[in-house]
PDB file of N, CA and C in Angstrom:
ATOM      1  N   UNK A   1     -18.273  12.256 -15.278  1.00  0.00           N
ATOM      2  CA  UNK A   1     -16.788  12.084 -14.378  1.00  0.00           C
ATOM      3  C   UNK A   1     -16.967  10.620 -14.471  1.00  0.00           C
ATOM      4  N   UNK A   2     -15.050   9.998 -15.430  1.00  0.00           N
ATOM      5  CA  UNK A   2     -15.430   8.645 -15.569  1.00  0.00           C
ATOM      6  C   UNK A   2     -14.854   8.045 -14.469  1.00  0.00           C
ATOM      7  N   UNK A   3     -15.127   6.314 -14.057  1.00  0.00           N
ATOM      8  CA  UNK A   3     -14.129   5.994 -12.888  1.00  0.00           C
ATOM      9  C   UNK A   3     -12.542   5.118 -13.473  1.00  0.00           C
ATOM     10  N   UNK A   4     -11.869   5.512 -13.288  1.00  0.00           N
ATOM     11  CA  UNK A   4     -10.557   4.947 -13.603  1.00  0.00           C
ATOM     12  C   UNK A   4     -10.465   3.502 -13.192  1.00  0.00           C
ATOM     13  N   UNK A   5     -10.629   2.527 -13.956  1.00  0.00           N
ATOM     14  CA  UNK A   5     -10.996   1.695 -12.755  1.00  0.00           C
ATOM     15  C   UNK A   5      -9.189   1.032 -12.664  1.00  0.00           C
ATOM     16  N   UNK A   6      -7.954   1.506 -13.254  1.00  0.00           N
ATOM     17  CA  UNK A   6      -6.126   0.742 -12.926  1.00  0.00           C
ATOM     18  C   UNK A   6      -6.332   2.062 -11.947  1.00  0.00           C
ATOM     19  N   UNK A   7      -6.828   2.999 -11.790  1.00  0.00           N
ATOM     20  CA  UNK A   7      -6.569   3.533 -10.690  1.00  0.00           C
ATOM     21  C   UNK A   7      -6.804   2.904  -9.129  1.00  0.00           C
ATOM     22  N   UNK A   8      -8.341   2.843  -9.193  1.00  0.00           N
ATOM     23  CA  UNK A   8      -9.195   1.921  -8.204  1.00  0.00           C
ATOM     24  C   UNK A   8      -8.135   0.978  -7.742  1.00  0.00           C
ATOM     25  N   UNK A   9      -7.718  -0.127  -8.790  1.00  0.00           N
ATOM     26  CA  UNK A   9      -7.506  -1.270  -8.536  1.00  0.00           C
ATOM     27  C   UNK A   9      -5.135  -0.706  -8.214  1.00  0.00           C
ATOM     28  N   UNK A  10      -5.306   0.100  -8.100  1.00  0.00           N
ATOM     29  CA  UNK A  10      -3.610   0.222  -7.315  1.00  0.00           C
ATOM     30  C   UNK A  10      -4.047   1.013  -6.201  1.00  0.00           C
ATOM     31  N   UNK A  11      -4.494   1.749  -5.699  1.00  0.00           N
ATOM     32  CA  UNK A  11      -5.813   2.432  -4.634  1.00  0.00           C
ATOM     33  C   UNK A  11      -5.941   0.905  -3.377  1.00  0.00           C
ATOM     34  N   UNK A  12      -6.634   0.348  -4.451  1.00  0.00           N
ATOM     35  CA  UNK A  12      -7.343  -0.323  -3.120  1.00  0.00           C
ATOM     36  C   UNK A  12      -5.765  -1.934  -2.800  1.00  0.00           C
ATOM     37  N   UNK A  13      -4.836  -2.068  -3.830  1.00  0.00           N
ATOM     38  CA  UNK A  13      -3.573  -3.518  -3.447  1.00  0.00           C
ATOM     39  C   UNK A  13      -2.860  -2.689  -3.179  1.00  0.00           C
ATOM     40  N   UNK A  14      -2.874  -1.063  -3.000  1.00  0.00           N
ATOM     41  CA  UNK A  14      -1.275  -1.034  -1.842  1.00  0.00           C
ATOM     42  C   UNK A  14      -2.410  -0.552  -0.605  1.00  0.00           C
ATOM     43  N   UNK A  15      -3.582  -0.766  -0.510  1.00  0.00           N
ATOM     44  CA  UNK A  15      -4.196   0.229   0.825  1.00  0.00           C
ATOM     45  C   UNK A  15      -4.568  -1.570   1.497  1.00  0.00           C
ATOM     46  N   UNK A  16      -4.585  -2.465   0.639  1.00  0.00           N
ATOM     47  CA  UNK A  16      -4.185  -4.173   1.198  1.00  0.00           C
ATOM     48  C   UNK A  16      -3.224  -4.423   1.832  1.00  0.00           C
ATOM     49  N   UNK A  17      -3.023  -4.390   1.150  1.00  0.00           N
ATOM     50  CA  UNK A  17      -1.095  -4.229   1.480  1.00  0.00           C
ATOM     51  C   UNK A  17      -0.869  -4.097   2.970  1.00  0.00           C
ATOM     52  N   UNK A  18      -0.685  -2.308   3.384  1.00  0.00           N
ATOM     53  CA  UNK A  18      -0.664  -2.002   4.321  1.00  0.00           C
ATOM     54  C   UNK A  18      -1.132  -2.121   5.595  1.00  0.00           C
ATOM     55  N   UNK A  19      -2.976  -2.667   5.461  1.00  0.00           N
ATOM     56  CA  UNK A  19      -3.573  -2.963   6.063  1.00  0.00           C
ATOM     57  C   UNK A  19      -2.914  -4.716   6.197  1.00  0.00           C
ATOM     58  N   UNK A  20      -3.241  -4.722   5.670  1.00  0.00           N
ATOM     59  CA  UNK A  20      -2.528  -6.491   5.554  1.00  0.00           C
ATOM     60  C   UNK A  20      -3.960  -7.009   6.308  1.00  0.00           C
ATOM     61  N   UNK A  21      -5.078  -7.059   6.095  1.00  0.00           N
ATOM     62  CA  UNK A  21      -5.943  -7.542   7.136  1.00  0.00           C
ATOM     63  C   UNK A  21      -5.801  -9.502   7.511  1.00  0.00           C
ATOM     64  N   UNK A  22      -4.857  -9.965   7.017  1.00  0.00           N
ATOM     65  CA  UNK A  22      -4.339 -11.643   7.582  1.00  0.00           C
ATOM     66  C   UNK A  22      -3.809 -11.584   8.437  1.00  0.00           C
ATOM     67  N   UNK A  23      -3.027 -10.197   8.222  1.00  0.00           N
ATOM     68  CA  UNK A  23      -2.163 -10.341   9.782  1.00  0.00           C
ATOM     69  C   UNK A  23      -2.441  -9.573  10.737  1.00  0.00           C
ATOM     70  N   UNK A  24      -3.456  -8.780  10.926  1.00  0.00           N
ATOM     71  CA  UNK A  24      -4.256  -8.545  11.404  1.00  0.00           C
ATOM     72  C   UNK A  24      -5.381  -9.628  12.116  1.00  0.00           C
ATOM     73  N   UNK A  25      -6.106 -10.565  12.321  1.00  0.00           N
ATOM     74  CA  UNK A  25      -6.692 -11.612  12.627  1.00  0.00           C
ATOM     75  C   UNK A  25      -6.063 -11.984  13.785  1.00  0.00           C
ATOM     76  N   UNK A  26      -5.220 -11.853  14.210  1.00  0.00           N
ATOM     77  CA  UNK A  26      -4.416 -12.731  15.642  1.00  0.00           C
ATOM     78  C   UNK A  26      -4.666 -11.567  16.415  1.00  0.00           C
ATOM     79  N   UNK A  27      -4.327 -10.314  15.875  1.00  0.00           N
ATOM     80  CA  UNK A  27      -4.272  -9.432  16.723  1.00  0.00           C
ATOM     81  C   UNK A  27      -5.700  -8.551  17.739  1.00  0.00           C
ATOM     82  N   UNK A  28      -6.701  -8.869  15.705  1.00  0.00           N
ATOM     83  CA  UNK A  28      -8.097  -8.578  16.550  1.00  0.00           C
ATOM     84  C   UNK A  28      -8.503  -9.414  17.290  1.00  0.00           C
ATOM     85  N   UNK A  29      -8.451 -11.019  17.254  1.00  0.00           N
ATOM     86  CA  UNK A  29      -8.813 -12.081  18.083  1.00  0.00           C
ATOM     87  C   UNK A  29      -8.323 -11.798  19.699  1.00  0.00           C
ATOM     88  N   UNK A  30      -7.585 -11.734  20.105  1.00  0.00           N
ATOM     89  CA  UNK A  30      -6.996 -11.338  20.887  1.00  0.00           C
ATOM     90  C   UNK A  30      -7.032 -10.287  22.324  1.00  0.00           C
ATOM     91  N   UNK A  31      -7.427  -8.951  20.925  1.00  0.00           N
ATOM     92  CA  UNK A  31      -8.398  -7.665  21.943  1.00  0.00           C
ATOM     93  C   UNK A  31      -9.796  -8.039  22.094  1.00  0.00           C
ATOM     94  N   UNK A  32      -9.849  -8.824  20.947  1.00  0.00           N
ATOM     95  CA  UNK A  32     -11.845  -9.370  21.266  1.00  0.00           C
ATOM     96  C   UNK A  32     -12.190 -10.061  22.357  1.00  0.00           C
ATOM     97  N   UNK A  33     -10.878 -10.892  23.061  1.00  0.00           N
ATOM     98  CA  UNK A  33     -11.398 -12.515  23.931  1.00  0.00           C
ATOM     99  C   UNK A  33     -11.844 -11.958  25.366  1.00  0.00           C
ATOM    100  N   UNK A  34     -12.986 -13.097  25.108  1.00  0.00           N
ATOM    101  CA  UNK A  34     -13.597 -12.621  26.223  1.00  0.00           C
ATOM    102  C   UNK A  34     -15.116 -11.955  26.439  1.00  0.00           C
ATOM    103  N   UNK A  35     -15.027 -11.860  24.540  1.00  0.00           N
ATOM    104  CA  UNK A  35     -16.231 -10.846  24.068  1.00  0.00           C
ATOM    105  C   UNK A  35     -16.840 -12.131  23.433  1.00  0.00           C
ATOM    106  N   UNK A  36     -18.938 -12.025  23.818  1.00  0.00           N
ATOM    107  CA  UNK A  36     -19.141 -12.487  23.274  1.00  0.00           C
ATOM    108  C   UNK A  36     -18.998 -12.147  21.261  1.00  0.00           C
ATOM    109  N   UNK A  37     -19.614 -13.804  20.929  1.00  0.00           N
ATOM    110  CA  UNK A  37     -19.956 -13.480  19.847  1.00  0.00           C
ATOM    111  C   UNK A  37     -20.207 -12.486  18.744  1.00  0.00           C
ATOM    112  N   UNK A  38     -21.630 -11.936  19.569  1.00  0.00           N
ATOM    113  CA  UNK A  38     -22.652 -10.511  18.944  1.00  0.00           C
ATOM    114  C   UNK A  38     -21.869  -9.285  19.409  1.00  0.00           C
ATOM    115  N   UNK A  39     -20.769  -8.798  19.715  1.00  0.00           N
ATOM    116  CA  UNK A  39     -20.044  -8.065  20.520  1.00  0.00           C
ATOM    117  C   UNK A  39     -18.690  -7.956  19.649  1.00  0.00           C
ATOM    118  N   UNK A  40     -18.195  -8.922  19.430  1.00  0.00           N
ATOM    119  CA  UNK A  40     -16.737  -9.070  18.095  1.00  0.00           C
ATOM    120  C   UNK A  40     -17.326  -8.780  16.566  1.00  0.00           C
ATOM    121  N   UNK A  41     -18.558  -9.409  16.451  1.00  0.00           N
ATOM    122  CA  UNK A  41     -19.793  -8.601  15.161  1.00  0.00           C
ATOM    123  C   UNK A  41     -19.277  -7.338  15.154  1.00  0.00           C
ATOM    124  N   UNK A  42     -19.712  -6.805  16.199  1.00  0.00           N
ATOM    125  CA  UNK A  42     -19.966  -5.169  16.091  1.00  0.00           C
ATOM    126  C   UNK A  42     -19.059  -4.502  16.542  1.00  0.00           C
ATOM    127  N   UNK A  43     -17.739  -5.050  17.131  1.00  0.00           N
ATOM    128  CA  UNK A  43     -16.553  -4.148  16.889  1.00  0.00           C
ATOM    129  C   UNK A  43     -16.249  -4.748  15.625  1.00  0.00           C
ATOM    130  N   UNK A  44     -16.130  -5.211  15.080  1.00  0.00           N
ATOM    131  CA  UNK A  44     -15.836  -5.338  13.883  1.00  0.00           C
ATOM    132  C   UNK A  44     -17.318  -4.951  12.341  1.00  0.00           C
ATOM    133  N   UNK A  45     -17.892  -4.688  12.993  1.00  0.00           N
ATOM    134  CA  UNK A  45     -18.596  -3.935  11.620  1.00  0.00           C
ATOM    135  C   UNK A  45     -18.552  -2.462  11.873  1.00  0.00           C
ATOM    136  N   UNK A  46     -17.547  -1.622  13.569  1.00  0.00           N
ATOM    137  CA  UNK A  46     -17.910  -0.261  14.136  1.00  0.00           C
ATOM    138  C   UNK A  46     -16.626  -0.250  13.200  1.00  0.00           C
ATOM    139  N   UNK A  47     -15.466  -1.191  13.482  1.00  0.00           N
ATOM    140  CA  UNK A  47     -13.978  -0.759  12.655  1.00  0.00           C
ATOM    141  C   UNK A  47     -14.214  -0.451  11.643  1.00  0.00           C
ATOM    142  N   UNK A  48     -14.903  -1.685  10.765  1.00  0.00           N
ATOM    143  CA  UNK A  48     -15.218  -1.699   9.209  1.00  0.00           C
ATOM    144  C   UNK A  48     -15.773  -0.406   8.391  1.00  0.00           C
ATOM    145  N   UNK A  49     -16.776   0.377   8.811  1.00  0.00           N
ATOM    146  CA  UNK A  49     -17.289   1.239   8.997  1.00  0.00           C
ATOM    147  C   UNK A  49     -15.808   2.713   9.239  1.00  0.00           C
ATOM    148  N   UNK A  50     -15.573   2.714  10.395  1.00  0.00           N
ATOM    149  CA  UNK A  50     -14.697   3.712  10.702  1.00  0.00           C
ATOM    150  C   UNK A  50     -13.793   3.563   9.556  1.00  0.00           C
ATOM    151  N   UNK A  51     -13.351   2.637   9.253  1.00  0.00           N
ATOM    152  CA  UNK A  51     -12.127   2.243   8.367  1.00  0.00           C
ATOM    153  C   UNK A  51     -12.296   2.737   6.659  1.00  0.00           C
ATOM    154  N   UNK A  52     -14.126   2.414   6.409  1.00  0.00           N
ATOM    155  CA  UNK A  52     -13.910   2.908   5.509  1.00  0.00           C
ATOM    156  C   UNK A  52     -13.818   4.241   4.762  1.00  0.00           C
TER     157      UNK A  52
END
C-alpha cells in the first residue's frame, strides 16, 4: 500500500485550517493561567495525544 503524498498534504492543510493552532494560543494560555510550567507542558502533551 503506497502513501499518497498529495492526499496527505491536503488532509493536513485542511486540519490545520480548521484547528487554527495560532489563534488557539491565547485560549490555551487563558485556560492554563495559574498553572506551573510543568502543568502547562503536561496539558499540552495530553491534548496533543488526544487530538492525534
